[in-house]
Every structure is written in C-alpha cells, then in structure tokens.
Amino acid sequence: MDILLVPGLWLDSSSWDDIVPALTAAGHTPLPLTLPGVGDPAERSADIGIADWVDAVVTQIDVASEPVVLVGHSGGGNVVWGAAAARADRVAQVIFVDTTPPPDDASISEFDVIDGVTPFPGWDYFPAEDVYDLDAETRARTLPLTQSVPARVPTDPVRLTGAQHRVPVTILMGSMDRQQLEAVIDQWSSYADEYRAIADVTVRKIGSGHWPQFSQPARLAELINESVAHAQSTVDGNDGA
C-alpha cells in the first residue's frame, strides 16, 4: 500500500528517513514528501499557502493506483486532513502523528516571520514535554534538517468539505492515551466537534515527545505498520464484497 508521509513545519522528506526502511520491509511503498516552498526565500515562496500544500498531496493521491494511507506529523496533520476532505474515496486511512484533526478554517499556529519566511525557532523554543526525548546528539543531528516554510502556511486556514469524516483515522499521540486526549479535546469546542464527527477513530500512545520520527523511529514505524495493516484489511475486504 502507498503511504504518503507528510512532514510538519520546517521539515522535508528526509525527516522520515528512519521510518521508511521499516515500512518498506512490511511490504508497503512509503512516499515521503517535501512540500512546496520549504527552504525557499520569500521571493519564491510568498504566494504559497496551505492550499498549495494540500494540493501537492492530492496530486500524489491522484496518481496512485489504489487508495492510499496519509500520515501527517504535527502541522502536516492539517495538510493530510485537507487532502482527505478533497479525496475521501481515495484515502484508506489518515494517521495523525502527535496532532489532532483540525476543524474547518483552523490554522496550524503563529510563529515569527523573518525576511518574509517562517524559520525554525530552535529546539529550545518548545516546551519540555515536546522535546524531552531529544538528546543533545539528536538535536545536533536533526537541526540541519530544518528549513524555513512559506510565511502564509502556518496561519492559513485549512478548507474542509465534511467528506473527511468517513475516512478511518488513527491518532498516534506522543504522551496521551485516548482518555487523556479526549479530555483535552473536549476543552477545544470546534476540535471536539470535528473529532466526534469522525466515524472511525483509533487513538494510541507512542510514549514520546513531539518528534518521534527522530527520538523513537522504531516505535513510530511499528505503530504506523500496525495501523496500515488494519487499513489494508479493510480495503481488501471491500474489494471482495
């Protein structure tokens, strides 16, 4: 099964390098993506917004021969959810990595714009619970992988159709199980409405910070493979109906 791996802000396809071998070994075809404008200066990226990132994923869905699995890390969750809304019948499953399905018109977040782009703010910017499992060596190794993103992308609203609610969802949370996640989501009214509108949701705890592809790649790959196996069985079952 084709697995489209969509990075969060400031990362490109190389952020999935430690995940890809295990997915391939399980018989899948992982397709890590670099989204438009990542690393580009403002003169080349100023007009790029979240819709362009969604369109880049939709393009990959359209060329696949079978329904695909979408994996979105962090802000990439907004991207894959927008793509699922646009191509619900071509998406077997959406897997969110330490993020939750956004409601219509939600944006990722707001960060400083410098020289017309949004640069990575550095590992020390983030709260301890996000980065506690990134040791000094991992931070030094991964920092060169970070790049600026187009200034519009973090604050652009994602546009949804409602069709995404019928796509099966797995949420792989770093530090929360289902009960903990739902307690948090219930405090965010529009996110709670979106979450509860999804017909089929599974929540699993990774036991990591916010970047498990760097800190615990084997665990993350295992959970993705297990989730994809479930999606594959569902697709095969539908084919045989």
Protein backbone atom coordinates (compact mmCIF):
# COMPACT_ATOMS: atom_id res chain seq x y z
CA MET A 1 0.00 0.00 0.00
CA ASP A 2 1.22 3.51 -0.80
CA ILE A 3 1.88 5.53 2.36
CA LEU A 4 2.26 9.29 1.82
CA LEU A 5 4.42 10.69 4.62
CA VAL A 6 3.76 14.40 5.15
CA PRO A 7 6.16 16.28 7.44
CA GLY A 8 5.24 19.06 9.80
CA LEU A 9 6.56 22.60 9.64
CA TRP A 10 10.27 23.13 8.86
CA LEU A 11 10.90 19.56 7.75
CA ASP A 12 11.20 17.87 4.38
CA SER A 13 11.11 14.29 3.12
CA SER A 14 14.42 13.46 4.83
CA SER A 15 12.71 13.70 8.23
CA TRP A 16 11.17 10.28 7.50
CA ASP A 17 14.46 8.56 6.67
CA ASP A 18 14.50 6.47 9.85
CA ILE A 19 10.89 5.36 9.29
CA VAL A 20 10.99 4.39 5.63
CA PRO A 21 13.00 1.12 5.90
CA ALA A 22 10.58 -0.50 8.34
CA LEU A 23 7.58 0.45 6.20
CA THR A 24 9.29 -0.95 3.11
CA ALA A 25 10.19 -4.16 4.94
CA ALA A 26 6.50 -4.59 5.79
CA GLY A 27 5.70 -4.59 2.08
CA HIS A 28 4.46 -1.04 1.73
CA THR A 29 5.55 1.77 -0.56
CA PRO A 30 6.39 4.80 1.59
CA LEU A 31 6.44 8.12 -0.26
CA PRO A 32 7.96 10.86 1.92
CA LEU A 33 7.11 14.31 0.63
CA THR A 34 8.77 17.70 0.58
CA LEU A 35 6.08 20.35 0.34
CA PRO A 36 6.23 23.46 -1.90
CA GLY A 37 8.36 26.38 -0.78
CA VAL A 38 10.22 24.63 2.04
CA GLY A 39 13.64 26.26 2.31
CA ASP A 40 12.85 28.83 -0.38
CA PRO A 41 13.35 32.58 0.15
CA ALA A 42 10.38 34.92 0.25
CA GLU A 43 10.70 35.92 -3.39
CA ARG A 44 9.93 32.31 -4.36
CA SER A 45 7.55 31.33 -1.56
CA ALA A 46 5.45 34.39 -0.69
CA ASP A 47 2.43 33.21 -2.67
CA ILE A 48 2.48 29.64 -1.29
CA GLY A 49 -0.19 28.80 1.28
CA ILE A 50 -1.64 25.76 2.99
CA ALA A 51 -3.88 25.11 -0.03
CA ASP A 52 -0.78 24.56 -2.14
CA TRP A 53 0.49 22.02 0.38
CA VAL A 54 -2.85 20.23 0.31
CA ASP A 55 -2.83 20.26 -3.50
CA ALA A 56 0.65 18.70 -3.52
CA VAL A 57 -0.69 15.76 -1.51
CA VAL A 58 -3.84 15.50 -3.63
CA THR A 59 -1.64 15.26 -6.73
CA GLN A 60 0.11 12.23 -5.26
CA ILE A 61 -3.22 10.64 -4.33
CA ASP A 62 -4.46 11.10 -7.89
CA VAL A 63 -1.51 9.26 -9.45
CA ALA A 64 -1.73 6.28 -7.08
CA SER A 65 -3.29 3.13 -8.49
CA GLU A 66 -5.10 2.25 -5.25
CA PRO A 67 -6.38 4.07 -2.16
CA VAL A 68 -3.52 5.45 -0.08
CA VAL A 69 -2.72 5.98 3.57
CA LEU A 70 -1.88 9.54 4.59
CA VAL A 71 0.47 10.17 7.53
CA GLY A 72 0.77 13.72 8.81
CA HIS A 73 3.11 14.82 11.57
CA SER A 74 2.24 17.93 13.61
CA GLY A 75 1.21 20.70 11.19
CA GLY A 76 1.23 18.10 8.44
CA GLY A 77 -1.97 16.87 10.05
CA ASN A 78 -3.78 19.92 8.70
CA VAL A 79 -2.41 19.11 5.27
CA VAL A 80 -3.46 15.45 5.18
CA TRP A 81 -6.89 16.25 6.61
CA GLY A 82 -7.45 18.79 3.85
CA ALA A 83 -6.35 16.20 1.29
CA ALA A 84 -8.66 13.59 2.81
CA ALA A 85 -11.54 16.05 2.53
CA ALA A 86 -10.75 16.53 -1.16
CA ARG A 87 -10.27 12.84 -1.98
CA ALA A 88 -12.14 10.88 0.68
CA ASP A 89 -12.88 7.97 -1.66
CA ARG A 90 -9.18 7.59 -2.48
CA VAL A 91 -7.86 7.60 1.10
CA ALA A 92 -7.91 4.32 3.05
CA GLN A 93 -6.79 5.90 6.31
CA VAL A 94 -5.36 9.07 7.82
CA ILE A 95 -2.71 8.70 10.53
CA PHE A 96 -2.02 11.77 12.67
CA VAL A 97 1.34 11.85 14.47
CA ASP A 98 1.13 13.87 17.71
CA THR A 99 -1.61 16.11 16.42
CA THR A 100 -5.38 16.03 16.06
CA PRO A 101 -7.82 16.50 13.17
CA PRO A 102 -8.39 20.24 12.69
CA PRO A 103 -11.84 21.72 12.13
CA ASP A 104 -12.70 23.70 9.03
CA ASP A 105 -10.91 27.08 8.90
CA ALA A 106 -8.34 26.10 11.55
CA SER A 107 -4.72 27.11 11.11
CA ILE A 108 -1.57 25.43 12.40
CA SER A 109 -0.16 28.17 14.64
CA GLU A 110 1.59 31.53 14.53
CA PHE A 111 5.37 31.91 14.54
CA ASP A 112 7.73 34.80 13.87
CA VAL A 113 8.18 35.78 10.24
CA ILE A 114 11.72 36.86 9.40
CA ASP A 115 12.75 38.12 5.97
CA GLY A 116 9.39 37.06 4.59
CA VAL A 117 9.55 33.42 5.71
CA THR A 118 8.95 31.47 8.91
CA PRO A 119 12.24 29.96 10.11
CA PHE A 120 12.61 27.11 12.59
CA PRO A 121 12.68 28.73 16.05
CA GLY A 122 15.14 26.21 17.53
CA TRP A 123 14.64 23.25 19.84
CA ASP A 124 14.75 25.44 22.95
CA TYR A 125 11.61 27.25 21.79
CA PHE A 126 9.38 24.28 22.56
CA PRO A 127 8.05 23.14 25.96
CA ALA A 128 9.88 20.37 27.78
CA GLU A 129 7.17 17.79 27.13
CA ASP A 130 7.71 18.19 23.39
CA VAL A 131 11.49 17.78 23.36
CA TYR A 132 12.40 15.81 26.50
CA ASP A 133 13.43 12.74 24.48
CA LEU A 134 15.61 14.66 22.01
CA ASP A 135 19.09 14.37 23.48
CA ALA A 136 21.95 16.68 22.56
CA GLU A 137 23.22 14.37 19.83
CA THR A 138 19.77 14.06 18.24
CA ARG A 139 19.21 17.81 18.36
CA ALA A 140 22.58 18.47 16.74
CA ARG A 141 21.96 15.81 14.07
CA THR A 142 18.46 16.98 13.17
CA LEU A 143 18.84 20.75 13.38
CA PRO A 144 20.43 20.89 9.89
CA LEU A 145 17.33 19.15 8.54
CA THR A 146 15.13 22.11 9.47
CA GLN A 147 14.30 24.78 6.89
CA SER A 148 12.07 27.81 6.65
CA VAL A 149 8.50 27.50 5.46
CA PRO A 150 6.42 29.98 3.46
CA ALA A 151 5.13 32.72 5.75
CA ARG A 152 1.47 32.07 4.93
CA VAL A 153 1.45 28.34 5.61
CA PRO A 154 1.31 28.31 9.45
CA THR A 155 -1.59 30.78 9.64
CA ASP A 156 -3.61 29.90 6.52
CA PRO A 157 -6.95 28.21 7.31
CA VAL A 158 -7.48 24.69 6.04
CA ARG A 159 -10.63 24.20 3.98
CA LEU A 160 -12.67 21.06 4.62
CA THR A 161 -15.74 19.61 2.93
CA GLY A 162 -17.07 17.20 5.56
CA ALA A 163 -16.24 14.19 3.38
CA GLN A 164 -13.18 13.57 5.55
CA HIS A 165 -15.38 12.33 8.39
CA ARG A 166 -15.94 8.99 6.67
CA VAL A 167 -12.21 8.25 6.36
CA PRO A 168 -10.85 5.97 9.14
CA VAL A 169 -8.44 7.81 11.42
CA THR A 170 -5.63 6.70 13.71
CA ILE A 171 -4.16 9.27 16.09
CA LEU A 172 -0.69 8.41 17.40
CA MET A 173 -0.13 10.74 20.34
CA GLY A 174 3.27 11.21 21.94
CA SER A 175 2.21 11.27 25.57
CA MET A 176 -1.56 10.75 25.72
CA ASP A 177 -3.87 7.77 25.53
CA ARG A 178 -7.44 8.05 24.25
CA GLN A 179 -8.96 9.10 27.56
CA GLN A 180 -6.36 11.81 28.11
CA LEU A 181 -6.65 13.08 24.55
CA GLU A 182 -10.43 13.29 24.67
CA ALA A 183 -10.27 15.20 27.97
CA VAL A 184 -8.05 17.79 26.27
CA ILE A 185 -10.02 17.94 23.03
CA ASP A 186 -13.26 18.48 24.94
CA GLN A 187 -11.83 21.82 26.06
CA TRP A 188 -11.49 22.96 22.42
CA SER A 189 -15.06 23.15 21.17
CA SER A 190 -14.51 23.17 17.41
CA TYR A 191 -11.81 20.47 17.63
CA ALA A 192 -14.09 18.34 19.77
CA ASP A 193 -16.87 18.68 17.20
CA GLU A 194 -14.51 17.62 14.41
CA TYR A 195 -13.15 14.68 16.39
CA ARG A 196 -16.61 13.40 17.32
CA ALA A 197 -17.83 13.69 13.73
CA ILE A 198 -15.32 11.09 12.52
CA ALA A 199 -16.94 7.70 12.07
CA ASP A 200 -13.90 5.54 12.91
CA VAL A 201 -11.15 6.79 15.25
CA THR A 202 -8.37 4.85 16.97
CA VAL A 203 -6.03 6.56 19.45
CA ARG A 204 -2.71 5.04 20.52
CA LYS A 205 0.04 6.39 22.74
CA ILE A 206 3.59 6.42 21.35
CA GLY A 207 5.35 7.24 24.62
CA SER A 208 7.44 10.05 23.15
CA GLY A 209 7.77 13.77 22.72
CA HIS A 210 6.58 15.64 19.66
CA TRP A 211 9.16 14.32 17.17
CA PRO A 212 9.06 10.50 17.49
CA GLN A 213 10.44 10.10 13.95
CA PHE A 214 13.71 11.40 15.43
CA SER A 215 13.58 10.13 19.01
CA GLN A 216 11.77 6.78 18.67
CA PRO A 217 11.63 5.83 14.99
CA ALA A 218 11.30 2.08 15.59
CA ARG A 219 8.26 2.57 17.83
CA LEU A 220 6.64 5.02 15.43
CA ALA A 221 7.24 2.76 12.43
CA GLU A 222 5.76 -0.19 14.32
CA LEU A 223 2.59 1.74 15.11
CA ILE A 224 2.26 3.02 11.54
CA ASN A 225 2.68 -0.51 10.19
CA GLU A 226 0.03 -1.84 12.55
CA SER A 227 -2.37 0.92 11.53
CA VAL A 228 -1.73 0.38 7.83
CA ALA A 229 -2.30 -3.36 8.20
CA HIS A 230 -5.76 -2.57 9.52
CA ALA A 231 -6.41 -0.18 6.64
CA GLN A 232 -5.20 -2.78 4.13
CA SER A 233 -7.52 -5.43 5.53
CA THR A 234 -10.43 -3.03 5.22
CA VAL A 235 -9.60 -2.21 1.60
CA ASP A 236 -9.17 -5.91 0.75
CA GLY A 237 -12.47 -6.70 2.45
CA ASN A 238 -14.24 -4.06 0.41
CA ASP A 239 -12.65 -5.41 -2.77
CA GLY A 240 -14.06 -8.81 -2.01
CA ALA A 241 -17.57 -7.63 -1.21
